Amino acid sequence: MGRTKATETLTEYEPGRSLGYILQGDAGPFATARSRWSIATGLDGATEVTVEGHFLPKNWAARHLAWPLAKPMIVRLTRKVLDELAAHLAT
C-alpha cells in the first residue's frame, strides 16, 4: 500500500491450521485491515489455503474511489504470496 507506518498484531494462531492479524495505523485508504489465512486438506488430498480480508475504509471516497483500485492489487499480492509459498514448498 505504499510507504506507510502500521502495526500488525497477531489475533489468531493455530499451528498448521490458521493465522489471523489486524493492521492498525496508516493502511493506505483504509482505517484498519484484517486478514485470516487458513489451511485445510481438500477432497483430493491437496492443501487448500483460504484467505479472508476485511477492510474498513477511512471515508466515503476511500470506499467508492480507492477500493476499486486497491482490490485488484490486493488480489495480485495475495496470489503472488501463495505462488511463492507453493514454490518454496516444492523445493
N, C-alpha and C. Protein backbone atom coordinates (compact mmCIF):
# COMPACT_ATOMS: atom_id res chain seq x y z
N MET A 1 0.82 -1.19 0.00
CA MET A 1 0.00 0.00 0.00
C MET A 1 0.87 1.25 0.00
N GLY A 2 2.10 1.14 -0.41
CA GLY A 2 2.95 2.31 -0.43
C GLY A 2 3.73 2.45 0.86
N ARG A 3 4.31 3.60 1.06
CA ARG A 3 5.12 3.84 2.25
C ARG A 3 4.23 4.34 3.38
N THR A 4 3.92 3.44 4.28
CA THR A 4 3.08 3.79 5.41
C THR A 4 3.67 3.15 6.65
N LYS A 5 3.21 3.62 7.79
CA LYS A 5 3.60 3.00 9.06
C LYS A 5 2.36 2.40 9.67
N ALA A 6 2.45 1.14 9.97
CA ALA A 6 1.31 0.43 10.54
C ALA A 6 1.84 -0.65 11.48
N THR A 7 0.98 -1.10 12.35
CA THR A 7 1.31 -2.18 13.28
C THR A 7 0.45 -3.38 12.94
N GLU A 8 1.08 -4.52 12.75
CA GLU A 8 0.35 -5.76 12.53
C GLU A 8 0.34 -6.52 13.85
N THR A 9 -0.85 -6.87 14.31
CA THR A 9 -0.99 -7.60 15.56
C THR A 9 -1.61 -8.95 15.28
N LEU A 10 -0.94 -9.99 15.73
CA LEU A 10 -1.46 -11.34 15.57
C LEU A 10 -2.69 -11.50 16.45
N THR A 11 -3.79 -11.92 15.86
CA THR A 11 -5.04 -12.07 16.60
C THR A 11 -5.46 -13.53 16.73
N GLU A 12 -4.85 -14.37 15.92
CA GLU A 12 -5.19 -15.79 15.93
C GLU A 12 -4.00 -16.57 15.42
N TYR A 13 -3.68 -17.67 16.07
CA TYR A 13 -2.62 -18.54 15.58
C TYR A 13 -2.88 -19.96 16.06
N GLU A 14 -3.11 -20.82 15.12
CA GLU A 14 -3.27 -22.24 15.41
C GLU A 14 -2.29 -22.96 14.48
N PRO A 15 -1.17 -23.44 15.01
CA PRO A 15 -0.12 -24.03 14.17
C PRO A 15 -0.68 -25.06 13.18
N GLY A 16 -0.30 -24.90 11.92
CA GLY A 16 -0.73 -25.81 10.88
C GLY A 16 -2.16 -25.65 10.43
N ARG A 17 -2.88 -24.67 10.98
CA ARG A 17 -4.31 -24.51 10.63
C ARG A 17 -4.68 -23.09 10.24
N SER A 18 -4.28 -22.09 11.05
CA SER A 18 -4.75 -20.73 10.74
C SER A 18 -3.84 -19.67 11.34
N LEU A 19 -3.96 -18.49 10.74
CA LEU A 19 -3.21 -17.31 11.18
C LEU A 19 -4.09 -16.11 10.88
N GLY A 20 -4.28 -15.25 11.85
CA GLY A 20 -5.07 -14.04 11.66
C GLY A 20 -4.33 -12.85 12.23
N TYR A 21 -4.53 -11.70 11.61
CA TYR A 21 -3.90 -10.48 12.12
C TYR A 21 -4.73 -9.27 11.75
N ILE A 22 -4.48 -8.19 12.48
CA ILE A 22 -5.11 -6.91 12.19
C ILE A 22 -4.01 -5.89 11.95
N LEU A 23 -4.24 -5.04 10.99
CA LEU A 23 -3.31 -3.98 10.63
C LEU A 23 -3.91 -2.68 11.13
N GLN A 24 -3.20 -1.99 11.99
CA GLN A 24 -3.68 -0.71 12.52
C GLN A 24 -2.66 0.37 12.22
N GLY A 25 -3.15 1.52 11.90
CA GLY A 25 -2.27 2.62 11.54
C GLY A 25 -2.62 3.05 10.13
N ASP A 26 -1.69 3.68 9.47
CA ASP A 26 -1.95 4.17 8.13
C ASP A 26 -1.85 3.02 7.13
N ALA A 27 -3.00 2.50 6.76
CA ALA A 27 -3.07 1.38 5.82
C ALA A 27 -3.62 1.89 4.49
N GLY A 28 -2.97 2.89 3.93
CA GLY A 28 -3.45 3.47 2.68
C GLY A 28 -4.82 4.09 2.87
N PRO A 29 -5.78 3.73 2.03
CA PRO A 29 -7.12 4.33 2.14
C PRO A 29 -7.98 3.68 3.22
N PHE A 30 -7.39 2.77 3.99
CA PHE A 30 -8.18 2.03 4.98
C PHE A 30 -7.81 2.42 6.40
N ALA A 31 -8.82 2.52 7.25
CA ALA A 31 -8.60 2.81 8.67
C ALA A 31 -8.00 1.58 9.35
N THR A 32 -8.52 0.41 9.02
CA THR A 32 -7.96 -0.85 9.51
C THR A 32 -8.13 -1.91 8.43
N ALA A 33 -7.32 -2.91 8.54
CA ALA A 33 -7.42 -4.06 7.65
C ALA A 33 -7.11 -5.29 8.49
N ARG A 34 -7.87 -6.36 8.26
CA ARG A 34 -7.56 -7.60 8.96
C ARG A 34 -7.64 -8.73 7.98
N SER A 35 -6.89 -9.76 8.29
CA SER A 35 -6.79 -10.89 7.38
C SER A 35 -6.73 -12.18 8.18
N ARG A 36 -7.23 -13.24 7.56
CA ARG A 36 -7.17 -14.57 8.16
C ARG A 36 -6.80 -15.55 7.07
N TRP A 37 -5.75 -16.33 7.31
CA TRP A 37 -5.30 -17.36 6.40
C TRP A 37 -5.55 -18.70 7.09
N SER A 38 -6.22 -19.61 6.40
CA SER A 38 -6.46 -20.93 6.99
C SER A 38 -6.07 -22.02 5.99
N ILE A 39 -5.70 -23.16 6.53
CA ILE A 39 -5.23 -24.29 5.74
C ILE A 39 -6.09 -25.50 6.06
N ALA A 40 -6.47 -26.24 5.03
CA ALA A 40 -7.24 -27.47 5.21
C ALA A 40 -6.82 -28.46 4.12
N THR A 41 -7.13 -29.71 4.35
CA THR A 41 -6.88 -30.73 3.34
C THR A 41 -8.12 -30.88 2.48
N GLY A 42 -7.93 -30.76 1.17
CA GLY A 42 -9.04 -30.88 0.23
C GLY A 42 -9.44 -32.32 0.00
N LEU A 43 -10.53 -32.52 -0.73
CA LEU A 43 -11.03 -33.86 -1.01
C LEU A 43 -10.01 -34.71 -1.77
N ASP A 44 -9.18 -34.06 -2.59
CA ASP A 44 -8.17 -34.79 -3.36
C ASP A 44 -6.86 -34.96 -2.59
N GLY A 45 -6.84 -34.52 -1.33
CA GLY A 45 -5.64 -34.63 -0.50
C GLY A 45 -4.70 -33.45 -0.61
N ALA A 46 -4.98 -32.54 -1.53
CA ALA A 46 -4.14 -31.36 -1.68
C ALA A 46 -4.42 -30.36 -0.56
N THR A 47 -3.44 -29.53 -0.29
CA THR A 47 -3.61 -28.48 0.72
C THR A 47 -4.37 -27.32 0.12
N GLU A 48 -5.42 -26.88 0.79
CA GLU A 48 -6.20 -25.73 0.35
C GLU A 48 -5.94 -24.58 1.32
N VAL A 49 -5.66 -23.42 0.76
CA VAL A 49 -5.44 -22.22 1.55
C VAL A 49 -6.60 -21.26 1.28
N THR A 50 -7.23 -20.80 2.33
CA THR A 50 -8.30 -19.81 2.22
C THR A 50 -7.80 -18.51 2.84
N VAL A 51 -7.96 -17.43 2.09
CA VAL A 51 -7.53 -16.11 2.56
C VAL A 51 -8.76 -15.22 2.64
N GLU A 52 -9.00 -14.66 3.82
CA GLU A 52 -10.11 -13.73 4.03
C GLU A 52 -9.52 -12.38 4.40
N GLY A 53 -10.07 -11.33 3.84
CA GLY A 53 -9.62 -9.99 4.17
C GLY A 53 -10.82 -9.09 4.42
N HIS A 54 -10.68 -8.24 5.41
CA HIS A 54 -11.73 -7.28 5.75
C HIS A 54 -11.07 -5.91 5.88
N PHE A 55 -11.60 -4.96 5.14
CA PHE A 55 -11.00 -3.64 5.09
C PHE A 55 -12.04 -2.59 5.46
N LEU A 56 -11.69 -1.73 6.39
CA LEU A 56 -12.57 -0.64 6.80
C LEU A 56 -12.05 0.65 6.17
N PRO A 57 -12.78 1.21 5.21
CA PRO A 57 -12.31 2.43 4.55
C PRO A 57 -12.29 3.61 5.52
N LYS A 58 -11.38 4.54 5.26
CA LYS A 58 -11.28 5.74 6.09
C LYS A 58 -12.50 6.64 5.91
N ASN A 59 -13.06 6.65 4.71
CA ASN A 59 -14.17 7.57 4.43
C ASN A 59 -14.91 7.11 3.18
N TRP A 60 -15.92 7.90 2.79
CA TRP A 60 -16.73 7.58 1.62
C TRP A 60 -15.87 7.47 0.36
N ALA A 61 -14.96 8.40 0.19
CA ALA A 61 -14.12 8.41 -1.02
C ALA A 61 -13.27 7.15 -1.11
N ALA A 62 -12.73 6.74 0.01
CA ALA A 62 -11.91 5.52 0.01
C ALA A 62 -12.76 4.32 -0.40
N ARG A 63 -13.97 4.26 0.10
CA ARG A 63 -14.85 3.12 -0.21
C ARG A 63 -15.21 3.10 -1.70
N HIS A 64 -15.54 4.23 -2.26
CA HIS A 64 -16.07 4.26 -3.61
C HIS A 64 -15.05 4.56 -4.70
N LEU A 65 -13.94 5.18 -4.33
CA LEU A 65 -12.93 5.53 -5.33
C LEU A 65 -11.67 4.67 -5.23
N ALA A 66 -11.17 4.47 -4.01
CA ALA A 66 -9.92 3.73 -3.84
C ALA A 66 -10.11 2.22 -3.89
N TRP A 67 -11.21 1.73 -3.32
CA TRP A 67 -11.39 0.28 -3.26
C TRP A 67 -11.37 -0.40 -4.63
N PRO A 68 -12.03 0.16 -5.65
CA PRO A 68 -11.96 -0.50 -6.96
C PRO A 68 -10.53 -0.62 -7.50
N LEU A 69 -9.64 0.26 -7.09
CA LEU A 69 -8.23 0.17 -7.49
C LEU A 69 -7.44 -0.74 -6.55
N ALA A 70 -7.73 -0.66 -5.26
CA ALA A 70 -6.97 -1.42 -4.27
C ALA A 70 -7.28 -2.92 -4.33
N LYS A 71 -8.52 -3.27 -4.58
CA LYS A 71 -8.91 -4.69 -4.56
C LYS A 71 -8.09 -5.53 -5.54
N PRO A 72 -7.95 -5.15 -6.81
CA PRO A 72 -7.14 -5.97 -7.71
C PRO A 72 -5.67 -6.06 -7.28
N MET A 73 -5.15 -4.98 -6.68
CA MET A 73 -3.77 -5.01 -6.19
C MET A 73 -3.63 -6.01 -5.05
N ILE A 74 -4.59 -6.04 -4.15
CA ILE A 74 -4.55 -6.96 -3.02
C ILE A 74 -4.68 -8.40 -3.51
N VAL A 75 -5.55 -8.63 -4.48
CA VAL A 75 -5.71 -9.97 -5.04
C VAL A 75 -4.40 -10.43 -5.69
N ARG A 76 -3.76 -9.56 -6.48
CA ARG A 76 -2.48 -9.92 -7.12
C ARG A 76 -1.41 -10.22 -6.08
N LEU A 77 -1.33 -9.39 -5.05
CA LEU A 77 -0.33 -9.60 -4.00
C LEU A 77 -0.57 -10.93 -3.28
N THR A 78 -1.82 -11.23 -2.97
CA THR A 78 -2.14 -12.49 -2.30
C THR A 78 -1.77 -13.68 -3.18
N ARG A 79 -2.08 -13.60 -4.45
CA ARG A 79 -1.72 -14.69 -5.38
C ARG A 79 -0.21 -14.85 -5.46
N LYS A 80 0.52 -13.74 -5.48
CA LYS A 80 1.97 -13.80 -5.53
C LYS A 80 2.53 -14.49 -4.28
N VAL A 81 2.01 -14.13 -3.13
CA VAL A 81 2.45 -14.75 -1.88
C VAL A 81 2.18 -16.26 -1.91
N LEU A 82 0.99 -16.65 -2.37
CA LEU A 82 0.65 -18.07 -2.44
C LEU A 82 1.54 -18.79 -3.45
N ASP A 83 1.83 -18.17 -4.59
CA ASP A 83 2.73 -18.78 -5.57
C ASP A 83 4.13 -18.96 -5.01
N GLU A 84 4.62 -17.96 -4.29
CA GLU A 84 5.96 -18.05 -3.68
C GLU A 84 5.98 -19.14 -2.62
N LEU A 85 4.92 -19.25 -1.85
CA LEU A 85 4.83 -20.30 -0.83
C LEU A 85 4.83 -21.67 -1.49
N ALA A 86 4.05 -21.84 -2.56
CA ALA A 86 3.99 -23.12 -3.27
C ALA A 86 5.36 -23.48 -3.85
N ALA A 87 6.05 -22.49 -4.42
CA ALA A 87 7.39 -22.74 -4.98
C ALA A 87 8.36 -23.14 -3.88
N HIS A 88 8.27 -22.49 -2.75
CA HIS A 88 9.17 -22.81 -1.64
C HIS A 88 8.92 -24.24 -1.14
N LEU A 89 7.66 -24.62 -1.05
CA LEU A 89 7.33 -25.96 -0.55
C LEU A 89 7.69 -27.04 -1.56
N ALA A 90 7.74 -26.70 -2.84
CA ALA A 90 8.07 -27.67 -3.89
C ALA A 90 9.56 -28.00 -3.93
N THR A 91 10.38 -27.14 -3.30
CA THR A 91 11.84 -27.38 -3.35
C THR A 91 12.30 -28.28 -2.24
